[in-house]
Amino acid sequence: MLSYEVTVKVRTDLQAAFERYMREKHIPEIWDTLCFTFIQFEQNEEGHFRTCYQTPKRADYDRYIAAHANALRADFMQHFPDGCEVSRQVFESKQEWRINQ
């Protein structure tokens, strides 16, 4: 499993608009690319947001970067030209533990 993680530190006055944009526009548009099989959007107490996009195939992540990322990032920058510090990381799963319920 490959995880693409985007973390954003959002200025306090932008947090409500940022959350709305992510939940109503940005993440649904990424979901519609069909490049990821799981997306989770989170916020911590300090106003940092994290989105984890997962796919079982590296090729799907590569397709997302090649075909979709530039346009989606440009749209994000139009909505939030300042006040957001973005970092991105890619992780490949080595092992997983789960409780079967």
N, C-alpha and C. Protein backbone atom coordinates (compact mmCIF):
# COMPACT_ATOMS: atom_id res chain seq x y z
N MET A 1 0.85 -1.18 0.00
CA MET A 1 0.00 0.00 0.00
C MET A 1 0.89 1.23 0.00
N LEU A 2 0.55 2.20 -0.82
CA LEU A 2 1.27 3.46 -0.87
C LEU A 2 0.39 4.54 -0.26
N SER A 3 0.98 5.35 0.61
CA SER A 3 0.26 6.46 1.24
C SER A 3 0.91 7.77 0.83
N TYR A 4 0.10 8.66 0.31
CA TYR A 4 0.52 10.01 -0.04
C TYR A 4 -0.09 10.92 1.01
N GLU A 5 0.76 11.56 1.79
CA GLU A 5 0.28 12.35 2.93
C GLU A 5 0.58 13.82 2.70
N VAL A 6 -0.45 14.64 2.83
CA VAL A 6 -0.32 16.08 2.68
C VAL A 6 -0.70 16.72 4.01
N THR A 7 0.22 17.47 4.58
CA THR A 7 -0.01 18.16 5.85
C THR A 7 -0.01 19.66 5.59
N VAL A 8 -0.98 20.36 6.17
CA VAL A 8 -1.10 21.80 5.95
C VAL A 8 -1.28 22.50 7.29
N LYS A 9 -0.38 23.43 7.56
CA LYS A 9 -0.53 24.31 8.72
C LYS A 9 -1.29 25.54 8.21
N VAL A 10 -2.48 25.76 8.75
CA VAL A 10 -3.39 26.79 8.23
C VAL A 10 -3.51 27.93 9.24
N ARG A 11 -3.36 29.13 8.74
CA ARG A 11 -3.54 30.31 9.59
C ARG A 11 -4.94 30.29 10.21
N THR A 12 -5.05 30.69 11.45
CA THR A 12 -6.29 30.56 12.22
C THR A 12 -7.50 31.15 11.50
N ASP A 13 -7.37 32.33 10.91
CA ASP A 13 -8.52 32.98 10.28
C ASP A 13 -8.96 32.29 9.00
N LEU A 14 -8.17 31.36 8.49
CA LEU A 14 -8.52 30.64 7.25
C LEU A 14 -9.03 29.22 7.49
N GLN A 15 -8.99 28.76 8.72
CA GLN A 15 -9.26 27.35 8.98
C GLN A 15 -10.66 26.89 8.57
N ALA A 16 -11.67 27.68 8.83
CA ALA A 16 -13.04 27.27 8.46
C ALA A 16 -13.18 27.20 6.94
N ALA A 17 -12.67 28.19 6.23
CA ALA A 17 -12.75 28.20 4.77
C ALA A 17 -11.92 27.07 4.18
N PHE A 18 -10.76 26.82 4.76
CA PHE A 18 -9.90 25.73 4.29
C PHE A 18 -10.61 24.39 4.44
N GLU A 19 -11.18 24.14 5.62
CA GLU A 19 -11.87 22.87 5.83
C GLU A 19 -13.03 22.70 4.86
N ARG A 20 -13.79 23.74 4.66
CA ARG A 20 -14.93 23.67 3.73
C ARG A 20 -14.43 23.37 2.31
N TYR A 21 -13.40 24.08 1.86
CA TYR A 21 -12.83 23.86 0.52
C TYR A 21 -12.34 22.42 0.37
N MET A 22 -11.63 21.92 1.36
CA MET A 22 -11.10 20.56 1.27
C MET A 22 -12.22 19.53 1.21
N ARG A 23 -13.22 19.68 2.06
CA ARG A 23 -14.28 18.67 2.16
C ARG A 23 -15.28 18.75 1.01
N GLU A 24 -15.54 19.94 0.51
CA GLU A 24 -16.57 20.11 -0.51
C GLU A 24 -16.03 20.16 -1.93
N LYS A 25 -14.74 20.50 -2.11
CA LYS A 25 -14.22 20.66 -3.46
C LYS A 25 -12.96 19.82 -3.72
N HIS A 26 -11.89 20.13 -3.00
CA HIS A 26 -10.58 19.57 -3.33
C HIS A 26 -10.54 18.04 -3.20
N ILE A 27 -10.90 17.52 -2.04
CA ILE A 27 -10.84 16.07 -1.85
C ILE A 27 -11.82 15.34 -2.77
N PRO A 28 -13.07 15.81 -2.94
CA PRO A 28 -13.95 15.13 -3.91
C PRO A 28 -13.37 15.11 -5.33
N GLU A 29 -12.68 16.18 -5.73
CA GLU A 29 -12.07 16.19 -7.06
C GLU A 29 -10.94 15.17 -7.15
N ILE A 30 -10.17 15.02 -6.10
CA ILE A 30 -9.11 14.00 -6.10
C ILE A 30 -9.74 12.61 -6.10
N TRP A 31 -10.78 12.41 -5.33
CA TRP A 31 -11.48 11.12 -5.31
C TRP A 31 -11.97 10.76 -6.71
N ASP A 32 -12.47 11.74 -7.43
CA ASP A 32 -13.00 11.50 -8.77
C ASP A 32 -11.94 11.10 -9.79
N THR A 33 -10.65 11.29 -9.49
CA THR A 33 -9.60 10.85 -10.41
C THR A 33 -9.48 9.33 -10.44
N LEU A 34 -10.03 8.66 -9.45
CA LEU A 34 -9.96 7.20 -9.31
C LEU A 34 -8.52 6.69 -9.10
N CYS A 35 -7.64 7.57 -8.65
CA CYS A 35 -6.25 7.18 -8.40
C CYS A 35 -6.04 6.61 -7.00
N PHE A 36 -6.99 6.85 -6.09
CA PHE A 36 -6.84 6.42 -4.71
C PHE A 36 -8.05 5.61 -4.28
N THR A 37 -7.82 4.64 -3.39
CA THR A 37 -8.90 3.78 -2.91
C THR A 37 -9.37 4.15 -1.51
N PHE A 38 -8.63 5.04 -0.85
CA PHE A 38 -8.98 5.46 0.51
C PHE A 38 -8.43 6.86 0.72
N ILE A 39 -9.25 7.74 1.31
CA ILE A 39 -8.79 9.08 1.67
C ILE A 39 -9.30 9.38 3.08
N GLN A 40 -8.42 9.91 3.91
CA GLN A 40 -8.79 10.31 5.27
C GLN A 40 -8.32 11.74 5.51
N PHE A 41 -9.22 12.60 6.00
CA PHE A 41 -8.94 14.01 6.27
C PHE A 41 -9.04 14.24 7.77
N GLU A 42 -7.99 14.84 8.35
CA GLU A 42 -7.92 14.98 9.81
C GLU A 42 -7.45 16.38 10.19
N GLN A 43 -7.74 16.75 11.43
CA GLN A 43 -7.25 18.01 12.00
C GLN A 43 -6.80 17.76 13.43
N ASN A 44 -5.69 18.39 13.82
CA ASN A 44 -5.28 18.29 15.22
C ASN A 44 -5.67 19.57 15.96
N GLU A 45 -5.38 19.61 17.24
CA GLU A 45 -5.79 20.74 18.08
C GLU A 45 -5.07 22.04 17.75
N GLU A 46 -3.95 21.95 17.05
CA GLU A 46 -3.16 23.14 16.74
C GLU A 46 -3.53 23.75 15.40
N GLY A 47 -4.57 23.26 14.76
CA GLY A 47 -4.98 23.81 13.48
C GLY A 47 -4.20 23.28 12.29
N HIS A 48 -3.54 22.15 12.48
CA HIS A 48 -2.86 21.49 11.36
C HIS A 48 -3.82 20.46 10.78
N PHE A 49 -3.85 20.39 9.47
CA PHE A 49 -4.70 19.42 8.78
C PHE A 49 -3.82 18.41 8.08
N ARG A 50 -4.30 17.18 8.00
CA ARG A 50 -3.58 16.13 7.29
C ARG A 50 -4.57 15.34 6.45
N THR A 51 -4.18 15.10 5.22
CA THR A 51 -4.96 14.24 4.35
C THR A 51 -4.07 13.09 3.91
N CYS A 52 -4.57 11.88 4.09
CA CYS A 52 -3.84 10.68 3.68
C CYS A 52 -4.61 10.04 2.53
N TYR A 53 -3.92 9.90 1.41
CA TYR A 53 -4.49 9.28 0.21
C TYR A 53 -3.78 7.95 0.04
N GLN A 54 -4.54 6.86 -0.10
CA GLN A 54 -3.90 5.55 -0.23
C GLN A 54 -4.31 4.85 -1.52
N THR A 55 -3.36 4.09 -2.03
CA THR A 55 -3.59 3.27 -3.21
C THR A 55 -2.72 2.02 -3.12
N PRO A 56 -3.21 0.88 -3.57
CA PRO A 56 -2.38 -0.32 -3.54
C PRO A 56 -1.32 -0.33 -4.64
N LYS A 57 -1.44 0.55 -5.63
CA LYS A 57 -0.54 0.52 -6.78
C LYS A 57 0.23 1.82 -6.93
N ARG A 58 1.55 1.73 -6.98
CA ARG A 58 2.40 2.90 -7.21
C ARG A 58 2.02 3.57 -8.53
N ALA A 59 1.63 2.79 -9.51
CA ALA A 59 1.26 3.34 -10.82
C ALA A 59 0.09 4.31 -10.73
N ASP A 60 -0.85 4.06 -9.82
CA ASP A 60 -1.98 4.98 -9.66
C ASP A 60 -1.53 6.31 -9.06
N TYR A 61 -0.62 6.28 -8.10
CA TYR A 61 -0.06 7.52 -7.56
C TYR A 61 0.70 8.27 -8.67
N ASP A 62 1.52 7.55 -9.42
CA ASP A 62 2.27 8.17 -10.52
C ASP A 62 1.33 8.81 -11.54
N ARG A 63 0.22 8.14 -11.82
CA ARG A 63 -0.78 8.69 -12.75
C ARG A 63 -1.40 9.96 -12.18
N TYR A 64 -1.68 9.97 -10.89
CA TYR A 64 -2.22 11.16 -10.24
C TYR A 64 -1.25 12.34 -10.40
N ILE A 65 0.02 12.10 -10.10
CA ILE A 65 1.02 13.17 -10.21
C ILE A 65 1.13 13.66 -11.65
N ALA A 66 1.19 12.75 -12.60
CA ALA A 66 1.38 13.12 -14.00
C ALA A 66 0.16 13.80 -14.62
N ALA A 67 -1.03 13.33 -14.28
CA ALA A 67 -2.23 13.79 -14.99
C ALA A 67 -3.08 14.80 -14.23
N HIS A 68 -2.97 14.85 -12.90
CA HIS A 68 -3.93 15.64 -12.13
C HIS A 68 -3.33 16.63 -11.14
N ALA A 69 -2.17 16.34 -10.60
CA ALA A 69 -1.64 17.12 -9.46
C ALA A 69 -1.45 18.60 -9.79
N ASN A 70 -0.89 18.92 -10.95
CA ASN A 70 -0.61 20.32 -11.26
C ASN A 70 -1.87 21.17 -11.26
N ALA A 71 -2.92 20.70 -11.89
CA ALA A 71 -4.17 21.47 -11.96
C ALA A 71 -4.81 21.61 -10.58
N LEU A 72 -4.80 20.54 -9.80
CA LEU A 72 -5.40 20.59 -8.47
C LEU A 72 -4.60 21.49 -7.53
N ARG A 73 -3.29 21.46 -7.64
CA ARG A 73 -2.46 22.34 -6.81
C ARG A 73 -2.64 23.80 -7.22
N ALA A 74 -2.78 24.05 -8.51
CA ALA A 74 -3.01 25.43 -8.98
C ALA A 74 -4.34 25.96 -8.46
N ASP A 75 -5.37 25.13 -8.47
CA ASP A 75 -6.66 25.55 -7.94
C ASP A 75 -6.56 25.84 -6.44
N PHE A 76 -5.84 25.00 -5.73
CA PHE A 76 -5.62 25.25 -4.30
C PHE A 76 -4.96 26.60 -4.08
N MET A 77 -3.93 26.90 -4.87
CA MET A 77 -3.21 28.17 -4.71
C MET A 77 -4.08 29.37 -5.06
N GLN A 78 -5.02 29.21 -5.98
CA GLN A 78 -5.96 30.29 -6.28
C GLN A 78 -6.84 30.59 -5.06
N HIS A 79 -7.24 29.56 -4.35
CA HIS A 79 -8.11 29.74 -3.19
C HIS A 79 -7.33 30.16 -1.94
N PHE A 80 -6.10 29.70 -1.82
CA PHE A 80 -5.28 29.98 -0.63
C PHE A 80 -3.86 30.37 -1.04
N PRO A 81 -3.72 31.59 -1.59
CA PRO A 81 -2.40 32.02 -2.05
C PRO A 81 -1.41 32.26 -0.91
N ASP A 82 -1.92 32.47 0.30
CA ASP A 82 -1.05 32.62 1.47
C ASP A 82 -1.80 32.10 2.70
N GLY A 83 -1.06 31.93 3.77
CA GLY A 83 -1.67 31.47 5.01
C GLY A 83 -1.69 29.97 5.20
N CYS A 84 -1.10 29.24 4.26
CA CYS A 84 -1.04 27.77 4.35
C CYS A 84 0.38 27.30 4.06
N GLU A 85 0.92 26.52 4.98
CA GLU A 85 2.23 25.89 4.78
C GLU A 85 1.99 24.41 4.48
N VAL A 86 2.33 24.00 3.26
CA VAL A 86 2.02 22.65 2.79
C VAL A 86 3.29 21.80 2.76
N SER A 87 3.18 20.58 3.24
CA SER A 87 4.26 19.60 3.07
C SER A 87 3.65 18.30 2.56
N ARG A 88 4.42 17.60 1.75
CA ARG A 88 3.94 16.36 1.15
C ARG A 88 4.98 15.26 1.35
N GLN A 89 4.48 14.05 1.63
CA GLN A 89 5.36 12.90 1.78
C GLN A 89 4.68 11.67 1.19
N VAL A 90 5.50 10.74 0.73
CA VAL A 90 5.00 9.47 0.22
C VAL A 90 5.62 8.35 1.06
N PHE A 91 4.77 7.43 1.49
CA PHE A 91 5.21 6.29 2.28
C PHE A 91 4.77 5.00 1.59
N GLU A 92 5.62 3.98 1.66
CA GLU A 92 5.24 2.65 1.20
C GLU A 92 5.12 1.75 2.42
N SER A 93 4.00 1.07 2.53
CA SER A 93 3.72 0.20 3.67
C SER A 93 4.68 -0.99 3.67
N LYS A 94 5.20 -1.28 4.85
CA LYS A 94 6.09 -2.43 5.02
C LYS A 94 5.38 -3.59 5.72
N GLN A 95 4.50 -3.26 6.64
CA GLN A 95 3.75 -4.28 7.36
C GLN A 95 2.55 -3.61 8.01
N GLU A 96 1.51 -4.39 8.24
CA GLU A 96 0.28 -3.87 8.82
C GLU A 96 -0.25 -4.84 9.86
N TRP A 97 -0.75 -4.31 10.95
CA TRP A 97 -1.39 -5.10 12.00
C TRP A 97 -2.82 -4.60 12.14
N ARG A 98 -3.78 -5.50 12.27
CA ARG A 98 -5.18 -5.13 12.43
C ARG A 98 -5.86 -6.09 13.39
N ILE A 99 -6.87 -5.58 14.06
CA ILE A 99 -7.75 -6.41 14.86
C ILE A 99 -8.94 -6.76 13.98
N ASN A 100 -9.20 -8.03 13.83
CA ASN A 100 -10.37 -8.46 13.04
C ASN A 100 -11.60 -8.40 13.93
N GLN A 101 -12.56 -7.62 13.52
CA GLN A 101 -13.79 -7.48 14.31
C GLN A 101 -14.98 -7.93 13.52
